[in-house]
Structures are given as C-alpha cells and as structure tokens.
Amino acid sequence: VALDEQTDAARRERLTFIMNLGEILQRAGELDEAEQVHRDGLKGRAEYYGEDHPGYAFGLEPLAEVLLGQKRYDDAKPFLTRCVEIFEAHQHPRLSAAVILEASASKAITPSAPALTRLQGASSELLHEVVQGAIDKAGLAMDGHYDPAVWLALLGELRQVMVDGGWTDAHSLTHVVAACSN
C-alpha cells in the first residue's frame, strides 16, 4: 500500500488498498495486525473525508468486524453505532449491513436485551436487506467466523420482530426460521 499520494484520486485509492489489506489479514486469521491496519486506515479516512462522511464509515465497519471476530463486542459496539448513524444520515446502501453488525454486538453484550430496535418503523426494503444479511452472517457463524449463539439469538429476535410487526412476507420469515434451525 506504499502508493505515491500526489493526487486526490491516489489518496482515495490508498485508503481502499489499506482497507483491502486489513480484510485480507482478517481472512488469514491475523486479527491483531488486521486491527492495526484498519485503525491506521480509519485515521487516514478521518483526515481525508471527515468523521461524518460515508467514506469514514467504510473504515469503521471492517475495524468493528475484526473486533467482533476477537469477541471484543464492547470495543466494536461504538464503532458500529457511529457507522449506522453515518449511513443512516446519508441513506447509504451499506446501512443494513451496519445495522446487522451493530445488533450482533448488542446481542453479544446483553443477550436478553432487544438488539433490533432500529427496525421499528423501518422501510420494507431495509427489513428485507436486514433479513438477507442476517441469514448470510449466521451462515458465517456456522463456519466459525462468528459466535453461533449470538447469531441464533439475533435470528430468534428477528423472527419475533417480523411476527410482532405483522410482516406478511412468509418467504422471508420461512428463511429466518430455517436459518434458526440450521
């Protein structure tokens, strides 16, 4: 990622390269190094974009994922909350992914507390994205990337939110129930 940063485009590219390096290190199981790379990248994103820009939130999310992978839920939660706030303010397409991760951290910290309160009054589009994303992440938990107990509790809460909210999409509800069974 040693890139000459003479232009604005080069600075943005370098920030992307740093994030990609952190994600590769995470996938390789080098979580301490991945965390440091993501922290360095987040600092660069803060300097380049400012802390209220989606470009900054793009750096918060992978850092939080590394912390979740280390079961450092209390450390990850503030990063995820800020990420959700930024994406929500900008109506960014990454909002659903950030909501899911924030909810997983909340569920891990306090399993009995509601973690999906952000879905109250949410658009059906966001609900569909959260359902699909939660099912996908739960699949990763089955592969050892996340704590399966956290994701089972989160899917159970999601199922209840759907039922209590009168969500009529039986197809999505069936997929959530199936993911819980799996």
Protein backbone atom coordinates (compact mmCIF):
# COMPACT_ATOMS: atom_id res chain seq x y z
CA VAL A 1 0.00 0.00 0.00
CA ALA A 2 3.00 2.26 -0.37
CA LEU A 3 1.43 4.44 -3.01
CA ASP A 4 2.53 7.89 -4.06
CA GLU A 5 -0.24 10.19 -2.84
CA GLN A 6 0.35 13.09 -5.19
CA THR A 7 -3.26 13.32 -6.32
CA ASP A 8 -6.65 13.24 -4.65
CA ALA A 9 -7.51 10.03 -6.50
CA ALA A 10 -4.30 8.41 -5.28
CA ARG A 11 -5.16 9.28 -1.66
CA ARG A 12 -8.58 7.62 -2.05
CA GLU A 13 -7.04 4.59 -3.74
CA ARG A 14 -4.52 4.20 -0.93
CA LEU A 15 -7.33 4.25 1.65
CA THR A 16 -9.06 1.49 -0.29
CA PHE A 17 -5.84 -0.50 -0.54
CA ILE A 18 -5.33 -0.21 3.23
CA MET A 19 -8.86 -1.45 3.87
CA ASN A 20 -8.33 -4.36 1.47
CA LEU A 21 -5.08 -5.27 3.22
CA GLY A 22 -6.87 -5.29 6.57
CA GLU A 23 -9.59 -7.55 5.21
CA ILE A 24 -7.03 -9.96 3.74
CA LEU A 25 -5.20 -10.09 7.07
CA GLN A 26 -8.52 -10.76 8.81
CA ARG A 27 -9.33 -13.63 6.45
CA ALA A 28 -5.84 -15.02 7.06
CA GLY A 29 -6.54 -15.02 10.81
CA GLU A 30 -4.03 -12.26 11.54
CA LEU A 31 -6.53 -10.31 13.64
CA ASP A 32 -4.08 -8.20 15.65
CA GLU A 33 -2.34 -7.00 12.50
CA ALA A 34 -5.67 -6.53 10.72
CA GLU A 35 -6.89 -4.39 13.60
CA GLN A 36 -3.84 -2.14 13.42
CA VAL A 37 -4.11 -1.76 9.65
CA HIS A 38 -7.80 -0.85 9.95
CA ARG A 39 -7.06 1.64 12.73
CA ASP A 40 -4.40 3.29 10.57
CA GLY A 41 -6.80 3.36 7.64
CA LEU A 42 -9.56 4.86 9.80
CA LYS A 43 -7.22 7.65 10.86
CA GLY A 44 -6.48 8.37 7.20
CA ARG A 45 -10.19 8.30 6.38
CA ALA A 46 -10.92 10.79 9.17
CA GLU A 47 -8.28 13.14 7.78
CA TYR A 48 -9.45 12.77 4.18
CA TYR A 49 -13.25 12.59 4.48
CA GLY A 50 -14.01 13.89 7.96
CA GLU A 51 -15.84 11.88 10.61
CA ASP A 52 -19.37 12.45 9.29
CA HIS A 53 -18.83 11.12 5.77
CA PRO A 54 -19.76 7.64 4.48
CA GLY A 55 -16.11 7.23 3.46
CA TYR A 56 -15.23 7.34 7.15
CA ALA A 57 -17.98 4.82 7.97
CA PHE A 58 -16.47 2.49 5.37
CA GLY A 59 -13.43 2.34 7.66
CA LEU A 60 -15.43 1.87 10.85
CA GLU A 61 -17.22 -1.24 9.65
CA PRO A 62 -14.23 -3.52 8.89
CA LEU A 63 -12.46 -2.43 12.08
CA ALA A 64 -15.55 -3.38 14.06
CA GLU A 65 -15.74 -6.72 12.25
CA VAL A 66 -12.20 -7.54 13.33
CA LEU A 67 -13.12 -6.67 16.91
CA LEU A 68 -16.23 -8.87 16.66
CA GLY A 69 -14.02 -11.69 15.40
CA GLN A 70 -11.91 -11.25 18.55
CA LYS A 71 -15.12 -11.32 20.66
CA ARG A 72 -14.39 -7.73 21.77
CA TYR A 73 -18.04 -6.73 21.50
CA ASP A 74 -17.83 -3.76 23.87
CA ASP A 75 -14.99 -2.34 21.78
CA ALA A 76 -16.82 -2.93 18.48
CA LYS A 77 -20.20 -1.51 19.51
CA PRO A 78 -19.31 2.23 19.49
CA PHE A 79 -17.70 1.91 16.05
CA LEU A 80 -20.80 0.18 14.72
CA THR A 81 -23.19 2.67 16.29
CA ARG A 82 -21.29 5.53 14.66
CA CYS A 83 -21.21 3.65 11.37
CA VAL A 84 -25.01 3.18 11.47
CA GLU A 85 -25.54 6.85 12.32
CA ILE A 86 -23.46 7.99 9.36
CA PHE A 87 -25.01 5.56 6.88
CA GLU A 88 -28.49 6.41 8.16
CA ALA A 89 -27.89 10.15 7.80
CA HIS A 90 -26.80 9.64 4.20
CA GLN A 91 -29.34 6.88 3.40
CA HIS A 92 -26.37 4.82 2.29
CA PRO A 93 -26.85 1.32 0.82
CA ARG A 94 -24.49 -0.15 3.47
CA LEU A 95 -26.95 0.77 6.24
CA SER A 96 -28.46 -2.72 6.51
CA ALA A 97 -25.06 -4.39 6.91
CA ALA A 98 -24.08 -1.95 9.64
CA VAL A 99 -27.44 -2.41 11.43
CA ILE A 100 -26.91 -6.18 11.44
CA LEU A 101 -23.40 -5.94 12.87
CA GLU A 102 -24.45 -3.39 15.49
CA ALA A 103 -27.31 -5.67 16.53
CA SER A 104 -24.95 -8.65 16.79
CA ALA A 105 -22.64 -6.70 19.10
CA SER A 106 -25.61 -5.60 21.22
CA LYS A 107 -26.91 -9.18 21.42
CA ALA A 108 -23.46 -10.45 22.41
CA ILE A 109 -23.11 -7.83 25.15
CA THR A 110 -26.61 -8.29 26.60
CA PRO A 111 -28.28 -11.39 25.15
CA SER A 112 -31.66 -10.74 26.79
CA ALA A 113 -31.94 -7.11 25.64
CA PRO A 114 -33.58 -6.13 22.33
CA ALA A 115 -30.94 -5.58 19.66
CA LEU A 116 -33.09 -4.74 16.63
CA THR A 117 -34.84 -1.61 17.86
CA ARG A 118 -33.58 0.27 14.79
CA LEU A 119 -36.02 -1.77 12.70
CA GLN A 120 -39.05 -0.15 14.29
CA GLY A 121 -40.69 1.87 11.57
CA ALA A 122 -38.06 0.83 9.02
CA SER A 123 -38.85 0.61 5.34
CA SER A 124 -39.71 -2.78 3.90
CA GLU A 125 -36.59 -2.50 1.74
CA LEU A 126 -34.36 -2.14 4.81
CA LEU A 127 -36.18 -5.01 6.53
CA HIS A 128 -35.61 -7.29 3.53
CA GLU A 129 -31.94 -6.34 3.41
CA VAL A 130 -31.53 -6.97 7.13
CA VAL A 131 -33.22 -10.37 6.87
CA GLN A 132 -30.98 -11.46 4.00
CA GLY A 133 -27.86 -10.04 5.59
CA ALA A 134 -28.58 -11.63 8.97
CA ILE A 135 -29.12 -15.01 7.33
CA ASP A 136 -25.84 -14.65 5.42
CA LYS A 137 -23.90 -13.66 8.55
CA ALA A 138 -25.48 -16.51 10.51
CA GLY A 139 -24.12 -18.83 7.84
CA LEU A 140 -20.65 -17.44 8.53
CA ALA A 141 -21.20 -18.15 12.23
CA MET A 142 -21.77 -21.79 11.32
CA ASP A 143 -18.36 -21.70 9.60
CA GLY A 144 -16.67 -20.37 12.75
CA HIS A 145 -16.32 -16.71 11.76
CA TYR A 146 -18.72 -15.52 14.46
CA ASP A 147 -20.20 -16.84 17.69
CA PRO A 148 -23.15 -19.06 16.64
CA ALA A 149 -25.01 -18.45 19.91
CA VAL A 150 -25.07 -14.70 19.23
CA TRP A 151 -26.44 -15.20 15.74
CA LEU A 152 -29.04 -17.75 16.87
CA ALA A 153 -30.30 -15.26 19.46
CA LEU A 154 -30.30 -12.47 16.88
CA LEU A 155 -32.21 -14.55 14.32
CA GLY A 156 -34.71 -15.52 17.00
CA GLU A 157 -35.26 -11.86 17.80
CA LEU A 158 -35.56 -11.04 14.10
CA ARG A 159 -38.23 -13.73 13.71
CA GLN A 160 -40.14 -12.24 16.64
CA VAL A 161 -39.82 -8.70 15.26
CA MET A 162 -41.26 -9.94 11.97
CA VAL A 163 -44.17 -11.74 13.66
CA ASP A 164 -44.95 -8.90 16.09
CA GLY A 165 -44.71 -6.34 13.30
CA GLY A 166 -47.22 -8.23 11.20
CA TRP A 167 -44.72 -8.64 8.42
CA THR A 168 -46.60 -10.54 5.76
CA ASP A 169 -43.63 -11.79 3.74
CA ALA A 170 -43.92 -15.51 4.52
CA HIS A 171 -40.97 -16.30 2.26
CA SER A 172 -38.56 -14.19 4.33
CA LEU A 173 -40.00 -15.45 7.61
CA THR A 174 -39.54 -19.03 6.41
CA HIS A 175 -35.90 -18.29 5.60
CA VAL A 176 -35.31 -16.83 9.07
CA VAL A 177 -36.91 -19.85 10.75
CA ALA A 178 -34.84 -22.18 8.55
CA ALA A 179 -31.65 -20.29 9.44
CA CYS A 180 -32.52 -20.67 13.15
CA SER A 181 -32.98 -24.41 12.63
CA ASN A 182 -29.70 -24.68 10.76
